[in-house]
């Protein structure tokens, strides 16, 4: 088995960083959900805001999990199967995430 070319190695490093970033955003979203649940039990959130806060935290966690799984599939396809990802799809997904949709904002690491 031959070693990856320098371009392939750079591409793998790029997608590894994207996977790391997606994992960071997922952990952030899960921590946010934990904080919301903790605030529920402590009574820090008024009852009329509980459903909204929980729904927002759940959307953030689901969005981050879906993104992590998507990037993981791309990274796995690249490293295991040798499938070169289409960068235009990555850019489109990034643009959709930044389009101001109702999806929660999760800090992006560069």
C-alpha atoms as a PDB file:
ATOM      1  CA  UNK A   1       0.000   0.000   0.000  1.00  0.00           C
ATOM      2  CA  UNK A   2       1.463   3.364  -0.975  1.00  0.00           C
ATOM      3  CA  UNK A   3       1.556   6.415   1.253  1.00  0.00           C
ATOM      4  CA  UNK A   4      -0.729   9.361   0.488  1.00  0.00           C
ATOM      5  CA  UNK A   5       0.552  12.104  -1.787  1.00  0.00           C
ATOM      6  CA  UNK A   6       1.369  15.480  -0.194  1.00  0.00           C
ATOM      7  CA  UNK A   7      -1.890  16.943  -1.578  1.00  0.00           C
ATOM      8  CA  UNK A   8      -3.896  14.039  -0.185  1.00  0.00           C
ATOM      9  CA  UNK A   9      -2.123  14.325   3.170  1.00  0.00           C
ATOM     10  CA  UNK A  10      -2.951  18.053   3.308  1.00  0.00           C
ATOM     11  CA  UNK A  11      -6.563  17.300   2.443  1.00  0.00           C
ATOM     12  CA  UNK A  12      -6.738  14.679   5.196  1.00  0.00           C
ATOM     13  CA  UNK A  13      -5.296  17.177   7.683  1.00  0.00           C
ATOM     14  CA  UNK A  14      -7.841  19.784   6.601  1.00  0.00           C
ATOM     15  CA  UNK A  15     -10.749  17.388   7.086  1.00  0.00           C
ATOM     16  CA  UNK A  16      -9.316  16.152  10.360  1.00  0.00           C
ATOM     17  CA  UNK A  17      -9.345  19.753  11.591  1.00  0.00           C
ATOM     18  CA  UNK A  18     -12.921  20.168  10.371  1.00  0.00           C
ATOM     19  CA  UNK A  19     -13.859  17.004  12.258  1.00  0.00           C
ATOM     20  CA  UNK A  20     -12.169  18.322  15.399  1.00  0.00           C
ATOM     21  CA  UNK A  21     -14.051  21.601  15.034  1.00  0.00           C
ATOM     22  CA  UNK A  22     -17.376  19.801  14.567  1.00  0.00           C
ATOM     23  CA  UNK A  23     -16.675  17.712  17.670  1.00  0.00           C
ATOM     24  CA  UNK A  24     -15.926  20.903  19.633  1.00  0.00           C
ATOM     25  CA  UNK A  25     -19.231  22.436  18.513  1.00  0.00           C
ATOM     26  CA  UNK A  26     -21.084  19.242  19.481  1.00  0.00           C
ATOM     27  CA  UNK A  27     -19.508  19.265  22.946  1.00  0.00           C
ATOM     28  CA  UNK A  28     -20.423  22.950  23.292  1.00  0.00           C
ATOM     29  CA  UNK A  29     -24.046  22.214  22.340  1.00  0.00           C
ATOM     30  CA  UNK A  30     -24.218  19.307  24.788  1.00  0.00           C
ATOM     31  CA  UNK A  31     -22.857  21.520  27.557  1.00  0.00           C
ATOM     32  CA  UNK A  32     -25.471  24.133  26.673  1.00  0.00           C
ATOM     33  CA  UNK A  33     -28.200  21.488  26.993  1.00  0.00           C
ATOM     34  CA  UNK A  34     -26.801  20.436  30.379  1.00  0.00           C
ATOM     35  CA  UNK A  35     -26.845  24.045  31.576  1.00  0.00           C
ATOM     36  CA  UNK A  36     -30.453  24.481  30.488  1.00  0.00           C
ATOM     37  CA  UNK A  37     -31.463  21.277  32.302  1.00  0.00           C
ATOM     38  CA  UNK A  38     -29.583  22.407  35.414  1.00  0.00           C
ATOM     39  CA  UNK A  39     -31.336  25.781  35.263  1.00  0.00           C
ATOM     40  CA  UNK A  40     -34.707  23.968  35.052  1.00  0.00           C
ATOM     41  CA  UNK A  41     -34.042  22.023  38.219  1.00  0.00           C
ATOM     42  CA  UNK A  42     -32.743  25.057  40.090  1.00  0.00           C
ATOM     43  CA  UNK A  43     -35.710  27.200  39.087  1.00  0.00           C
ATOM     44  CA  UNK A  44     -33.505  29.838  37.434  1.00  0.00           C
ATOM     45  CA  UNK A  45     -35.652  29.793  34.288  1.00  0.00           C
ATOM     46  CA  UNK A  46     -39.260  30.981  34.605  1.00  0.00           C
ATOM     47  CA  UNK A  47     -41.808  28.279  33.770  1.00  0.00           C
ATOM     48  CA  UNK A  48     -43.069  30.078  30.657  1.00  0.00           C
ATOM     49  CA  UNK A  49     -39.546  30.138  29.192  1.00  0.00           C
ATOM     50  CA  UNK A  50     -38.653  26.507  29.938  1.00  0.00           C
ATOM     51  CA  UNK A  51     -40.160  25.021  26.786  1.00  0.00           C
ATOM     52  CA  UNK A  52     -38.525  27.633  24.567  1.00  0.00           C
ATOM     53  CA  UNK A  53     -35.108  27.228  26.204  1.00  0.00           C
ATOM     54  CA  UNK A  54     -35.291  23.445  26.035  1.00  0.00           C
ATOM     55  CA  UNK A  55     -36.348  23.464  22.367  1.00  0.00           C
ATOM     56  CA  UNK A  56     -33.535  25.859  21.480  1.00  0.00           C
ATOM     57  CA  UNK A  57     -30.945  23.737  23.310  1.00  0.00           C
ATOM     58  CA  UNK A  58     -32.271  20.562  21.707  1.00  0.00           C
ATOM     59  CA  UNK A  59     -32.129  22.114  18.220  1.00  0.00           C
ATOM     60  CA  UNK A  60     -28.542  23.225  18.871  1.00  0.00           C
ATOM     61  CA  UNK A  61     -27.532  19.754  19.987  1.00  0.00           C
ATOM     62  CA  UNK A  62     -29.266  18.020  17.064  1.00  0.00           C
ATOM     63  CA  UNK A  63     -27.799  20.470  14.554  1.00  0.00           C
ATOM     64  CA  UNK A  64     -24.283  19.961  15.945  1.00  0.00           C
ATOM     65  CA  UNK A  65     -24.691  16.171  16.019  1.00  0.00           C
ATOM     66  CA  UNK A  66     -25.887  16.078  12.408  1.00  0.00           C
ATOM     67  CA  UNK A  67     -22.977  18.246  11.318  1.00  0.00           C
ATOM     68  CA  UNK A  68     -20.468  16.108  13.234  1.00  0.00           C
ATOM     69  CA  UNK A  69     -21.856  12.941  11.631  1.00  0.00           C
ATOM     70  CA  UNK A  70     -21.726  14.540   8.167  1.00  0.00           C
ATOM     71  CA  UNK A  71     -18.092  15.607   8.573  1.00  0.00           C
ATOM     72  CA  UNK A  72     -17.178  12.224  10.076  1.00  0.00           C
ATOM     73  CA  UNK A  73     -18.636  10.443   7.030  1.00  0.00           C
ATOM     74  CA  UNK A  74     -16.651  12.695   4.690  1.00  0.00           C
ATOM     75  CA  UNK A  75     -13.440  12.216   6.684  1.00  0.00           C
ATOM     76  CA  UNK A  76     -13.954   8.438   6.801  1.00  0.00           C
ATOM     77  CA  UNK A  77     -14.666   8.274   3.072  1.00  0.00           C
ATOM     78  CA  UNK A  78     -11.484  10.234   2.426  1.00  0.00           C
ATOM     79  CA  UNK A  79      -9.153   8.341   4.735  1.00  0.00           C
ATOM     80  CA  UNK A  80     -10.557   4.821   4.403  1.00  0.00           C
ATOM     81  CA  UNK A  81     -12.072   4.740   0.922  1.00  0.00           C
ATOM     82  CA  UNK A  82      -9.933   7.372  -0.798  1.00  0.00           C
ATOM     83  CA  UNK A  83     -12.972   9.396  -1.920  1.00  0.00           C
ATOM     84  CA  UNK A  84     -12.011  13.017  -2.471  1.00  0.00           C
ATOM     85  CA  UNK A  85     -14.774  15.266  -1.070  1.00  0.00           C
ATOM     86  CA  UNK A  86     -16.395  17.961  -3.162  1.00  0.00           C
ATOM     87  CA  UNK A  87     -15.303  21.249  -1.570  1.00  0.00           C
ATOM     88  CA  UNK A  88     -18.253  23.058  -3.141  1.00  0.00           C
ATOM     89  CA  UNK A  89     -20.573  20.944  -0.949  1.00  0.00           C
ATOM     90  CA  UNK A  90     -18.567  21.946   2.136  1.00  0.00           C
ATOM     91  CA  UNK A  91     -18.783  25.626   1.189  1.00  0.00           C
ATOM     92  CA  UNK A  92     -22.514  25.309   0.527  1.00  0.00           C
ATOM     93  CA  UNK A  93     -23.085  23.686   3.934  1.00  0.00           C
ATOM     94  CA  UNK A  94     -21.075  26.446   5.606  1.00  0.00           C
ATOM     95  CA  UNK A  95     -23.060  29.133   3.789  1.00  0.00           C
ATOM     96  CA  UNK A  96     -26.346  27.509   4.802  1.00  0.00           C
ATOM     97  CA  UNK A  97     -25.206  27.398   8.426  1.00  0.00           C
ATOM     98  CA  UNK A  98     -24.360  31.096   8.309  1.00  0.00           C
ATOM     99  CA  UNK A  99     -27.469  32.131   6.380  1.00  0.00           C
ATOM    100  CA  UNK A 100     -29.337  33.340   9.415  1.00  0.00           C
ATOM    101  CA  UNK A 101     -31.682  30.390   9.567  1.00  0.00           C
ATOM    102  CA  UNK A 102     -33.433  29.585  12.802  1.00  0.00           C
ATOM    103  CA  UNK A 103     -30.720  27.064  13.668  1.00  0.00           C
ATOM    104  CA  UNK A 104     -28.823  28.032  16.791  1.00  0.00           C
ATOM    105  CA  UNK A 105     -25.492  29.706  16.495  1.00  0.00           C
ATOM    106  CA  UNK A 106     -22.656  27.539  17.702  1.00  0.00           C
ATOM    107  CA  UNK A 107     -19.191  29.089  17.718  1.00  0.00           C
ATOM    108  CA  UNK A 108     -17.059  27.929  14.817  1.00  0.00           C
ATOM    109  CA  UNK A 109     -13.410  27.220  15.350  1.00  0.00           C
ATOM    110  CA  UNK A 110     -11.163  28.120  12.466  1.00  0.00           C
END
